[in-house]
Amino acid sequence: MKTTAKATVLRASDQHAYRPVALVQERLARSRLLFELEKRQRLVLEAAGQALTPGTDRGQSPLAAISTVQDNPPLGRELSWFQLSQERQPLIWWGIDRCSLDQLASSYYGGGARPLFCPLTPPSQSELRLIKRLMVAALSALSPEALDAEQLELEPLESDQKLTAPLRWHFDWAKVTGLPKMQCLLSDAALARLTRTPTETPVAPDLAAKLKRRLHQLPIRLSCQLAQQSLPTQALSGLQPGEILPLTLTRRSPVSIGGRPIFHATVHSHEGQLVAKLTHELHQHED
């Protein structure tokens, strides 16, 4: 008998690092997806730069380039890391040094430019709002579906964690400052979301008939002008409650539909009611 494969049982206590086996088709699809994302990384750079524009206009260096990193090292302590999740499922991780984040947040929210320094306190609410805005902008540049920022949860991460991210980007500042590069990592859940085709609501086959019925039920105001009277301005200025104005019924009363005159009508009495009988269209010559 010919042996084609061998397997070894791993004990859970040995804590071996492992990943699920992917089929060939899945690997090919994943490779195509990563290739497409690499082609669209310029959109991420532009979205991130636009999200930081107020801050970079007031002192901080703007973003200049973006590059893909193949390795997957631990997060490290040189950057502050943040995680953006939806329904407790991580979508994107972002790393930025506290010096740049402090200056960007201060400039963005009107604090003005100030020298770079690394605060030792936890990130402020302004810094958290800015980093969430940055991460949402990057995801929106890639996602075919609209993102609701209110449903996304932001939380800081501890340093030296090991994240399994299939895609990692580095951002270069336009000015060389010696600060570490800003980084962005996408999770498997984010990749699955980016490949999901937006759902379209099917069109009902009887949509035209339903729309026609609805249009026929719309209320429209119809008015008929029975009489009119011309008075001088002096007479109008002296009018008082209780006075009587003489009126003469017109021979042909214009009938308006939705404020637009359409027909001519004549006024008659029918079964004790005053009625208007349509004679012809307003713009049609009488025979």
C-alpha atoms as a PDB file:
ATOM      1  CA  MET A   1       0.000   0.000   0.000  1.00  0.00           C
ATOM      2  CA  LYS A   2       1.315   3.450  -0.966  1.00  0.00           C
ATOM      3  CA  THR A   3       1.312   6.151   1.730  1.00  0.00           C
ATOM      4  CA  THR A   4       0.188   9.562   0.404  1.00  0.00           C
ATOM      5  CA  ALA A   5      -0.026  11.564   3.639  1.00  0.00           C
ATOM      6  CA  LYS A   6       0.825  11.380   7.300  1.00  0.00           C
ATOM      7  CA  ALA A   7      -0.854  12.967  10.269  1.00  0.00           C
ATOM      8  CA  THR A   8       0.309  13.628  13.804  1.00  0.00           C
ATOM      9  CA  VAL A   9      -1.968  14.177  16.782  1.00  0.00           C
ATOM     10  CA  LEU A  10      -1.158  17.389  18.673  1.00  0.00           C
ATOM     11  CA  ARG A  11      -1.952  17.573  22.356  1.00  0.00           C
ATOM     12  CA  ALA A  12      -3.886  20.662  23.437  1.00  0.00           C
ATOM     13  CA  SER A  13      -1.500  21.130  26.354  1.00  0.00           C
ATOM     14  CA  ASP A  14       1.413  21.708  23.940  1.00  0.00           C
ATOM     15  CA  GLN A  15      -0.286  24.928  22.716  1.00  0.00           C
ATOM     16  CA  HIS A  16       0.819  24.633  19.113  1.00  0.00           C
ATOM     17  CA  ALA A  17      -0.051  27.570  16.833  1.00  0.00           C
ATOM     18  CA  TYR A  18      -2.211  26.392  13.953  1.00  0.00           C
ATOM     19  CA  ARG A  19      -4.610  27.713  11.310  1.00  0.00           C
ATOM     20  CA  PRO A  20      -7.495  25.903   9.570  1.00  0.00           C
ATOM     21  CA  VAL A  21      -6.651  24.139   6.298  1.00  0.00           C
ATOM     22  CA  ALA A  22      -7.937  26.064   3.248  1.00  0.00           C
ATOM     23  CA  LEU A  23      -8.948  24.457   0.003  1.00  0.00           C
ATOM     24  CA  VAL A  24      -7.150  25.353  -3.222  1.00  0.00           C
ATOM     25  CA  GLN A  25     -10.159  27.300  -4.518  1.00  0.00           C
ATOM     26  CA  GLU A  26     -10.356  29.262  -1.258  1.00  0.00           C
ATOM     27  CA  ARG A  27      -6.673  30.135  -1.438  1.00  0.00           C
ATOM     28  CA  LEU A  28      -7.055  31.338  -5.019  1.00  0.00           C
ATOM     29  CA  ALA A  29     -10.087  33.446  -4.128  1.00  0.00           C
ATOM     30  CA  ARG A  30      -8.227  34.926  -1.167  1.00  0.00           C
ATOM     31  CA  SER A  31      -5.215  35.732  -3.347  1.00  0.00           C
ATOM     32  CA  ARG A  32      -7.429  37.518  -5.880  1.00  0.00           C
ATOM     33  CA  LEU A  33      -9.111  39.478  -3.070  1.00  0.00           C
ATOM     34  CA  LEU A  34      -5.780  40.614  -1.607  1.00  0.00           C
ATOM     35  CA  PHE A  35      -4.635  41.608  -5.080  1.00  0.00           C
ATOM     36  CA  GLU A  36      -7.769  43.711  -5.598  1.00  0.00           C
ATOM     37  CA  LEU A  37      -7.318  45.363  -2.190  1.00  0.00           C
ATOM     38  CA  GLU A  38      -3.716  46.205  -3.005  1.00  0.00           C
ATOM     39  CA  LYS A  39      -4.917  47.938  -6.163  1.00  0.00           C
ATOM     40  CA  ARG A  40      -7.387  49.961  -4.085  1.00  0.00           C
ATOM     41  CA  GLN A  41      -4.966  50.918  -1.345  1.00  0.00           C
ATOM     42  CA  ARG A  42      -4.618  54.353  -2.961  1.00  0.00           C
ATOM     43  CA  LEU A  43      -8.279  54.950  -2.094  1.00  0.00           C
ATOM     44  CA  VAL A  44      -7.490  54.138   1.537  1.00  0.00           C
ATOM     45  CA  LEU A  45      -4.604  56.607   1.509  1.00  0.00           C
ATOM     46  CA  GLU A  46      -6.807  59.365   0.095  1.00  0.00           C
ATOM     47  CA  ALA A  47      -9.632  58.624   2.555  1.00  0.00           C
ATOM     48  CA  ALA A  48      -7.259  58.639   5.536  1.00  0.00           C
ATOM     49  CA  GLY A  49      -5.613  61.839   4.321  1.00  0.00           C
ATOM     50  CA  GLN A  50      -8.981  63.537   3.918  1.00  0.00           C
ATOM     51  CA  ALA A  51     -10.083  62.424   7.389  1.00  0.00           C
ATOM     52  CA  LEU A  52      -6.937  64.005   8.869  1.00  0.00           C
ATOM     53  CA  THR A  53      -6.953  67.137   6.673  1.00  0.00           C
ATOM     54  CA  PRO A  54      -7.938  69.699   9.360  1.00  0.00           C
ATOM     55  CA  GLY A  55      -5.122  68.427  11.584  1.00  0.00           C
ATOM     56  CA  THR A  56      -2.475  68.190   8.862  1.00  0.00           C
ATOM     57  CA  ASP A  57      -3.334  71.695   7.681  1.00  0.00           C
ATOM     58  CA  ARG A  58      -2.278  73.104  11.067  1.00  0.00           C
ATOM     59  CA  GLY A  59       1.159  71.631  11.609  1.00  0.00           C
ATOM     60  CA  GLN A  60       1.160  67.837  11.405  1.00  0.00           C
ATOM     61  CA  SER A  61       2.735  66.341   8.292  1.00  0.00           C
ATOM     62  CA  PRO A  62       0.200  64.950   5.780  1.00  0.00           C
ATOM     63  CA  LEU A  63       0.239  61.382   4.510  1.00  0.00           C
ATOM     64  CA  ALA A  64       2.442  60.745   1.484  1.00  0.00           C
ATOM     65  CA  ALA A  65       2.396  57.005   0.659  1.00  0.00           C
ATOM     66  CA  ILE A  66       0.964  53.620   1.590  1.00  0.00           C
ATOM     67  CA  SER A  67       2.652  50.230   1.272  1.00  0.00           C
ATOM     68  CA  THR A  68       1.691  46.608   1.921  1.00  0.00           C
ATOM     69  CA  VAL A  69       3.583  44.574   4.526  1.00  0.00           C
ATOM     70  CA  GLN A  70       3.613  40.804   4.147  1.00  0.00           C
ATOM     71  CA  ASP A  71       4.845  39.793   7.614  1.00  0.00           C
ATOM     72  CA  ASN A  72       2.615  39.721  10.681  1.00  0.00           C
ATOM     73  CA  PRO A  73       4.726  40.727  13.705  1.00  0.00           C
ATOM     74  CA  PRO A  74       3.347  41.572  17.169  1.00  0.00           C
ATOM     75  CA  LEU A  75       1.843  45.015  17.598  1.00  0.00           C
ATOM     76  CA  GLY A  76       4.787  46.408  19.549  1.00  0.00           C
ATOM     77  CA  ARG A  77       4.991  49.250  22.045  1.00  0.00           C
ATOM     78  CA  GLU A  78       6.056  52.065  19.712  1.00  0.00           C
ATOM     79  CA  LEU A  79       2.447  52.567  18.528  1.00  0.00           C
ATOM     80  CA  SER A  80      -0.890  52.930  20.298  1.00  0.00           C
ATOM     81  CA  TRP A  81      -3.301  50.360  18.878  1.00  0.00           C
ATOM     82  CA  PHE A  82      -7.076  50.577  18.493  1.00  0.00           C
ATOM     83  CA  GLN A  83      -9.675  48.030  17.420  1.00  0.00           C
ATOM     84  CA  LEU A  84     -12.920  48.803  15.580  1.00  0.00           C
ATOM     85  CA  SER A  85     -15.586  46.101  15.881  1.00  0.00           C
ATOM     86  CA  GLN A  86     -19.150  45.460  14.833  1.00  0.00           C
ATOM     87  CA  GLU A  87     -21.233  43.239  17.086  1.00  0.00           C
ATOM     88  CA  ARG A  88     -18.023  42.306  18.959  1.00  0.00           C
ATOM     89  CA  GLN A  89     -16.391  41.099  15.739  1.00  0.00           C
ATOM     90  CA  PRO A  90     -13.120  42.918  14.936  1.00  0.00           C
ATOM     91  CA  LEU A  91     -12.996  44.563  11.511  1.00  0.00           C
ATOM     92  CA  ILE A  92      -9.898  46.743  11.510  1.00  0.00           C
ATOM     93  CA  TRP A  93      -6.946  47.577  13.767  1.00  0.00           C
ATOM     94  CA  TRP A  94      -5.072  50.871  13.649  1.00  0.00           C
ATOM     95  CA  GLY A  95      -1.717  51.812  15.130  1.00  0.00           C
ATOM     96  CA  ILE A  96      -0.406  55.359  15.524  1.00  0.00           C
ATOM     97  CA  ASP A  97       2.212  56.903  17.803  1.00  0.00           C
ATOM     98  CA  ARG A  98       0.876  59.062  20.626  1.00  0.00           C
ATOM     99  CA  CYS A  99       2.932  62.080  19.534  1.00  0.00           C
ATOM    100  CA  SER A 100       1.236  62.272  16.122  1.00  0.00           C
ATOM    101  CA  LEU A 101      -2.190  61.420  17.528  1.00  0.00           C
ATOM    102  CA  ASP A 102      -1.957  64.125  20.200  1.00  0.00           C
ATOM    103  CA  GLN A 103      -0.909  66.794  17.713  1.00  0.00           C
ATOM    104  CA  LEU A 104      -3.494  65.757  15.123  1.00  0.00           C
ATOM    105  CA  ALA A 105      -6.352  65.766  17.650  1.00  0.00           C
ATOM    106  CA  SER A 106      -5.262  69.102  19.085  1.00  0.00           C
ATOM    107  CA  SER A 107      -5.071  70.724  15.656  1.00  0.00           C
ATOM    108  CA  TYR A 108      -8.210  69.013  14.348  1.00  0.00           C
ATOM    109  CA  TYR A 109     -10.442  70.207  17.181  1.00  0.00           C
ATOM    110  CA  GLY A 110      -9.083  73.744  17.301  1.00  0.00           C
ATOM    111  CA  GLY A 111      -6.245  73.439  19.800  1.00  0.00           C
ATOM    112  CA  GLY A 112      -3.679  74.796  17.347  1.00  0.00           C
ATOM    113  CA  ALA A 113      -0.295  73.382  16.383  1.00  0.00           C
ATOM    114  CA  ARG A 114       2.160  72.615  19.168  1.00  0.00           C
ATOM    115  CA  PRO A 115       5.511  70.789  19.499  1.00  0.00           C
ATOM    116  CA  LEU A 116       5.496  67.015  19.353  1.00  0.00           C
ATOM    117  CA  PHE A 117       5.434  65.248  22.700  1.00  0.00           C
ATOM    118  CA  CYS A 118       4.189  61.848  23.804  1.00  0.00           C
ATOM    119  CA  PRO A 119       1.576  62.077  26.579  1.00  0.00           C
ATOM    120  CA  LEU A 120       1.704  59.445  29.279  1.00  0.00           C
ATOM    121  CA  THR A 121      -2.027  59.590  29.999  1.00  0.00           C
ATOM    122  CA  PRO A 122      -4.644  57.404  28.234  1.00  0.00           C
ATOM    123  CA  PRO A 123      -6.056  58.724  24.925  1.00  0.00           C
ATOM    124  CA  SER A 124      -8.482  61.604  25.358  1.00  0.00           C
ATOM    125  CA  GLN A 125     -12.013  61.648  23.986  1.00  0.00           C
ATOM    126  CA  SER A 126     -10.864  63.924  21.165  1.00  0.00           C
ATOM    127  CA  GLU A 127      -8.170  61.442  20.196  1.00  0.00           C
ATOM    128  CA  LEU A 128     -10.656  58.550  20.287  1.00  0.00           C
ATOM    129  CA  ARG A 129     -13.121  60.438  18.089  1.00  0.00           C
ATOM    130  CA  LEU A 130     -10.403  61.232  15.580  1.00  0.00           C
ATOM    131  CA  ILE A 131      -9.024  57.691  15.400  1.00  0.00           C
ATOM    132  CA  LYS A 132     -12.553  56.290  14.930  1.00  0.00           C
ATOM    133  CA  ARG A 133     -13.177  58.799  12.151  1.00  0.00           C
ATOM    134  CA  LEU A 134      -9.930  57.678  10.538  1.00  0.00           C
ATOM    135  CA  MET A 135     -10.762  53.962  10.721  1.00  0.00           C
ATOM    136  CA  VAL A 136     -14.325  54.426   9.445  1.00  0.00           C
ATOM    137  CA  ALA A 137     -13.009  56.465   6.502  1.00  0.00           C
ATOM    138  CA  ALA A 138     -10.567  53.699   5.549  1.00  0.00           C
ATOM    139  CA  LEU A 139     -13.256  50.997   5.720  1.00  0.00           C
ATOM    140  CA  SER A 140     -15.737  53.116   3.771  1.00  0.00           C
ATOM    141  CA  ALA A 141     -13.194  53.501   0.958  1.00  0.00           C
ATOM    142  CA  LEU A 142     -13.185  49.706   0.533  1.00  0.00           C
ATOM    143  CA  SER A 143     -16.653  48.554   1.518  1.00  0.00           C
ATOM    144  CA  PRO A 144     -19.406  48.297  -1.120  1.00  0.00           C
ATOM    145  CA  GLU A 145     -21.964  48.835   1.651  1.00  0.00           C
ATOM    146  CA  ALA A 146     -22.546  51.978   3.666  1.00  0.00           C
ATOM    147  CA  LEU A 147     -21.210  51.839   7.230  1.00  0.00           C
ATOM    148  CA  ASP A 148     -23.128  53.124  10.234  1.00  0.00           C
ATOM    149  CA  ALA A 149     -20.536  54.624  12.557  1.00  0.00           C
ATOM    150  CA  GLU A 150     -22.985  54.430  15.480  1.00  0.00           C
ATOM    151  CA  GLN A 151     -22.947  50.626  15.291  1.00  0.00           C
ATOM    152  CA  LEU A 152     -19.133  50.383  15.305  1.00  0.00           C
ATOM    153  CA  GLU A 153     -17.335  50.018  18.658  1.00  0.00           C
ATOM    154  CA  LEU A 154     -13.849  51.431  19.266  1.00  0.00           C
ATOM    155  CA  GLU A 155     -11.551  50.178  22.016  1.00  0.00           C
ATOM    156  CA  PRO A 156      -7.824  50.579  22.760  1.00  0.00           C
ATOM    157  CA  LEU A 157      -5.629  47.465  22.711  1.00  0.00           C
ATOM    158  CA  GLU A 158      -2.753  46.382  24.887  1.00  0.00           C
ATOM    159  CA  SER A 159       0.720  46.385  23.310  1.00  0.00           C
ATOM    160  CA  ASP A 160       2.683  43.282  22.250  1.00  0.00           C
ATOM    161  CA  GLN A 161      -0.424  41.400  21.137  1.00  0.00           C
ATOM    162  CA  LYS A 162      -0.270  38.988  18.217  1.00  0.00           C
ATOM    163  CA  LEU A 163      -3.088  39.570  15.736  1.00  0.00           C
ATOM    164  CA  THR A 164      -3.892  37.312  12.799  1.00  0.00           C
ATOM    165  CA  ALA A 165      -4.440  39.828  10.012  1.00  0.00           C
ATOM    166  CA  PRO A 166      -4.347  38.861   6.326  1.00  0.00           C
ATOM    167  CA  LEU A 167      -3.520  42.419   5.227  1.00  0.00           C
ATOM    168  CA  ARG A 168      -1.291  45.055   6.786  1.00  0.00           C
ATOM    169  CA  TRP A 169      -0.583  48.563   5.466  1.00  0.00           C
ATOM    170  CA  HIS A 170       2.041  51.126   6.477  1.00  0.00           C
ATOM    171  CA  PHE A 171       1.534  54.865   5.989  1.00  0.00           C
ATOM    172  CA  ASP A 172       4.418  57.286   5.363  1.00  0.00           C
ATOM    173  CA  TRP A 173       4.263  60.895   6.527  1.00  0.00           C
ATOM    174  CA  ALA A 174       5.261  63.529   3.964  1.00  0.00           C
ATOM    175  CA  LYS A 175       7.877  64.976   6.334  1.00  0.00           C
ATOM    176  CA  VAL A 176      10.580  62.795   7.823  1.00  0.00           C
ATOM    177  CA  THR A 177      10.202  63.155  11.592  1.00  0.00           C
ATOM    178  CA  GLY A 178      11.732  59.929  12.878  1.00  0.00           C
ATOM    179  CA  LEU A 179       8.360  58.810  14.223  1.00  0.00           C
ATOM    180  CA  PRO A 180       7.174  55.224  13.561  1.00  0.00           C
ATOM    181  CA  LYS A 181       4.904  54.649  10.604  1.00  0.00           C
ATOM    182  CA  MET A 182       1.158  54.559  11.099  1.00  0.00           C
ATOM    183  CA  GLN A 183      -0.257  51.074  10.419  1.00  0.00           C
ATOM    184  CA  CYS A 184      -3.592  49.551   9.458  1.00  0.00           C
ATOM    185  CA  LEU A 185      -4.611  45.876   9.676  1.00  0.00           C
ATOM    186  CA  LEU A 186      -7.732  44.262   8.196  1.00  0.00           C
ATOM    187  CA  SER A 187      -9.316  41.184   9.756  1.00  0.00           C
ATOM    188  CA  ASP A 188     -10.783  38.140   8.017  1.00  0.00           C
ATOM    189  CA  ALA A 189     -14.252  39.415   8.947  1.00  0.00           C
ATOM    190  CA  ALA A 190     -13.526  42.693   7.161  1.00  0.00           C
ATOM    191  CA  LEU A 191     -12.398  40.844   4.041  1.00  0.00           C
ATOM    192  CA  ALA A 192     -15.598  38.791   4.085  1.00  0.00           C
ATOM    193  CA  ARG A 193     -17.627  41.983   4.398  1.00  0.00           C
ATOM    194  CA  LEU A 194     -15.782  43.642   1.536  1.00  0.00           C
ATOM    195  CA  THR A 195     -16.510  40.715  -0.777  1.00  0.00           C
ATOM    196  CA  ARG A 196     -20.202  40.562   0.085  1.00  0.00           C
ATOM    197  CA  THR A 197     -22.414  41.804  -2.720  1.00  0.00           C
ATOM    198  CA  PRO A 198     -24.876  44.452  -1.543  1.00  0.00           C
ATOM    199  CA  THR A 199     -28.361  43.043  -1.315  1.00  0.00           C
ATOM    200  CA  GLU A 200     -30.896  44.500  -3.705  1.00  0.00           C
ATOM    201  CA  THR A 201     -34.601  44.595  -2.947  1.00  0.00           C
ATOM    202  CA  PRO A 202     -36.424  42.677  -5.700  1.00  0.00           C
ATOM    203  CA  VAL A 203     -38.843  44.727  -7.754  1.00  0.00           C
ATOM    204  CA  ALA A 204     -42.442  43.565  -7.413  1.00  0.00           C
ATOM    205  CA  PRO A 205     -43.879  42.331 -10.728  1.00  0.00           C
ATOM    206  CA  ASP A 206     -47.067  44.383 -10.234  1.00  0.00           C
ATOM    207  CA  LEU A 207     -45.214  47.559  -9.213  1.00  0.00           C
ATOM    208  CA  ALA A 208     -46.608  49.582 -12.147  1.00  0.00           C
ATOM    209  CA  ALA A 209     -50.199  48.602 -11.321  1.00  0.00           C
ATOM    210  CA  LYS A 210     -49.738  49.414  -7.630  1.00  0.00           C
ATOM    211  CA  LEU A 211     -48.204  52.785  -8.470  1.00  0.00           C
ATOM    212  CA  LYS A 212     -51.093  53.565 -10.808  1.00  0.00           C
ATOM    213  CA  ARG A 213     -53.640  52.754  -8.085  1.00  0.00           C
ATOM    214  CA  ARG A 214     -51.780  54.917  -5.588  1.00  0.00           C
ATOM    215  CA  LEU A 215     -51.656  57.832  -8.013  1.00  0.00           C
ATOM    216  CA  HIS A 216     -55.398  57.551  -8.584  1.00  0.00           C
ATOM    217  CA  GLN A 217     -55.950  57.810  -4.819  1.00  0.00           C
ATOM    218  CA  LEU A 218     -53.924  60.983  -4.341  1.00  0.00           C
ATOM    219  CA  PRO A 219     -56.121  63.901  -3.183  1.00  0.00           C
ATOM    220  CA  ILE A 220     -56.072  66.842  -5.617  1.00  0.00           C
ATOM    221  CA  ARG A 221     -57.838  70.159  -5.005  1.00  0.00           C
ATOM    222  CA  LEU A 222     -60.416  71.205  -7.615  1.00  0.00           C
ATOM    223  CA  SER A 223     -61.720  74.790  -7.572  1.00  0.00           C
ATOM    224  CA  CYS A 224     -64.315  76.670  -9.635  1.00  0.00           C
ATOM    225  CA  GLN A 225     -64.404  80.471  -9.821  1.00  0.00           C
ATOM    226  CA  LEU A 226     -68.053  81.518  -9.631  1.00  0.00           C
ATOM    227  CA  ALA A 227     -67.735  85.284  -9.563  1.00  0.00           C
ATOM    228  CA  GLN A 228     -65.353  88.191  -9.392  1.00  0.00           C
ATOM    229  CA  GLN A 229     -65.676  91.900  -8.626  1.00  0.00           C
ATOM    230  CA  SER A 230     -63.341  94.824  -9.243  1.00  0.00           C
ATOM    231  CA  LEU A 231     -63.258  97.613  -6.628  1.00  0.00           C
ATOM    232  CA  PRO A 232     -61.120 100.744  -6.356  1.00  0.00           C
ATOM    233  CA  THR A 233     -58.489 100.893  -3.656  1.00  0.00           C
ATOM    234  CA  GLN A 234     -60.443 103.599  -1.788  1.00  0.00           C
ATOM    235  CA  ALA A 235     -63.470 101.313  -1.508  1.00  0.00           C
ATOM    236  CA  LEU A 236     -61.354  98.402  -0.283  1.00  0.00           C
ATOM    237  CA  SER A 237     -59.711 100.516   2.419  1.00  0.00           C
ATOM    238  CA  GLY A 238     -63.118 101.459   3.810  1.00  0.00           C
ATOM    239  CA  LEU A 239     -64.572  97.950   4.007  1.00  0.00           C
ATOM    240  CA  GLN A 240     -66.035  96.938   7.369  1.00  0.00           C
ATOM    241  CA  PRO A 241     -67.415  93.637   8.734  1.00  0.00           C
ATOM    242  CA  GLY A 242     -71.094  93.264   7.830  1.00  0.00           C
ATOM    243  CA  GLU A 243     -70.981  95.155   4.523  1.00  0.00           C
ATOM    244  CA  ILE A 244     -72.422  93.482   1.425  1.00  0.00           C
ATOM    245  CA  LEU A 245     -70.562  93.301  -1.877  1.00  0.00           C
ATOM    246  CA  PRO A 246     -72.561  92.989  -5.105  1.00  0.00           C
ATOM    247  CA  LEU A 247     -71.478  89.999  -7.213  1.00  0.00           C
ATOM    248  CA  THR A 248     -72.454  88.855 -10.691  1.00  0.00           C
ATOM    249  CA  LEU A 249     -72.042  85.214 -11.665  1.00  0.00           C
ATOM    250  CA  THR A 250     -69.724  84.778 -14.616  1.00  0.00           C
ATOM    251  CA  ARG A 251     -71.105  83.253 -17.791  1.00  0.00           C
ATOM    252  CA  ARG A 252     -68.220  80.800 -17.967  1.00  0.00           C
ATOM    253  CA  SER A 253     -66.473  79.833 -14.753  1.00  0.00           C
ATOM    254  CA  PRO A 254     -62.871  78.543 -15.023  1.00  0.00           C
ATOM    255  CA  VAL A 255     -62.280  75.215 -13.260  1.00  0.00           C
ATOM    256  CA  SER A 256     -58.731  74.636 -11.881  1.00  0.00           C
ATOM    257  CA  ILE A 257     -57.189  71.307 -10.927  1.00  0.00           C
ATOM    258  CA  GLY A 258     -54.167  71.522  -8.654  1.00  0.00           C
ATOM    259  CA  GLY A 259     -54.093  75.304  -9.178  1.00  0.00           C
ATOM    260  CA  ARG A 260     -53.984  75.056 -12.984  1.00  0.00           C
ATOM    261  CA  PRO A 261     -57.054  76.173 -15.036  1.00  0.00           C
ATOM    262  CA  ILE A 262     -58.206  73.230 -17.175  1.00  0.00           C
ATOM    263  CA  PHE A 263     -61.938  73.593 -18.052  1.00  0.00           C
ATOM    264  CA  HIS A 264     -64.703  76.133 -18.515  1.00  0.00           C
ATOM    265  CA  ALA A 265     -67.987  75.451 -16.701  1.00  0.00           C
ATOM    266  CA  THR A 266     -71.455  76.926 -16.389  1.00  0.00           C
ATOM    267  CA  VAL A 267     -73.266  77.169 -13.064  1.00  0.00           C
ATOM    268  CA  HIS A 268     -76.688  75.508 -12.681  1.00  0.00           C
ATOM    269  CA  SER A 269     -79.123  74.354 -10.009  1.00  0.00           C
ATOM    270  CA  HIS A 270     -79.641  70.583  -9.735  1.00  0.00           C
ATOM    271  CA  GLU A 271     -81.811  68.864  -7.099  1.00  0.00           C
ATOM    272  CA  GLY A 272     -81.516  71.822  -4.767  1.00  0.00           C
ATOM    273  CA  GLN A 273     -77.753  72.107  -5.114  1.00  0.00           C
ATOM    274  CA  LEU A 274     -75.522  74.536  -6.970  1.00  0.00           C
ATOM    275  CA  VAL A 275     -73.485  72.619  -9.557  1.00  0.00           C
ATOM    276  CA  ALA A 276     -70.907  73.423 -12.224  1.00  0.00           C
ATOM    277  CA  LYS A 277     -71.310  71.735 -15.602  1.00  0.00           C
ATOM    278  CA  LEU A 278     -68.096  71.322 -17.549  1.00  0.00           C
ATOM    279  CA  THR A 279     -68.490  72.654 -21.077  1.00  0.00           C
ATOM    280  CA  HIS A 280     -65.078  72.319 -22.758  1.00  0.00           C
ATOM    281  CA  GLU A 281     -61.378  72.496 -22.106  1.00  0.00           C
ATOM    282  CA  LEU A 282     -60.001  75.925 -21.347  1.00  0.00           C
ATOM    283  CA  HIS A 283     -57.566  75.999 -24.252  1.00  0.00           C
ATOM    284  CA  GLN A 284     -59.950  74.369 -26.765  1.00  0.00           C
ATOM    285  CA  HIS A 285     -61.868  76.638 -29.138  1.00  0.00           C
ATOM    286  CA  GLU A 286     -65.614  76.318 -29.089  1.00  0.00           C
ATOM    287  CA  ASP A 287     -67.362  75.117 -32.239  1.00  0.00           C
END
